[in-house]
Amino acid sequence: MEPRKYSAGIAGGIVIAENVTYDELLTRLLDFVSRAAVARAIDEFDWEQEEVLRNGLRAIDFFLGDKALWWDSDAFNTEKEGTRRNGAGERFLEKNELDARFLKKIDADLRGHLKRAGYVTPSLISSMKPLYKDISSDLSDRSAQAQKALVAEILRS
């Protein structure tokens, strides 16, 4: 059986992952989020990184195959009803899928990876501010240590 393939991106053409397994999707999301947090910490971030900071995983569009994944059943049903009234209800269901558990699962799995790396964070669904703050603090500490080590190395020369 062929593994399920996922894609993820941010409106405006930013691709985080394309046609990858769930495990690879997690890896790509961790990479994107980690790089975004570091970029934010050194004040060299792009709009999409700021979007994820402010809106968490909700800022990212997820796809399973060629179907958009929805986790908000109210929004999904409202959109489905609107397209049904316009005669496009069947097409909507061909291109969209409701999976309310997906966002919670990916949130839990990402936080599990981050916890193993030393970052215990609340849910990433609606905001990543606490995570960005922790990574920024860690980066600052490591930078200070690197600066001291470099000076010490120069003085020993």
Foldseek 3Di string as FASTA:
>chain_A
DDAWFKWKAAPPPGTQGGRHHPVVSLVSVLVLQLVLLVCVLVVNHDPLSVQCQQFFPVRMWMDTVQATEDQDVVVLVVVLVVCVVVVCNVVNVVRYDYDNCVQVVSQVVNQVVVVVVPDRDPGRRGHCNSVSVVSSVVVVVVVVVVVVVVVVVVVVD
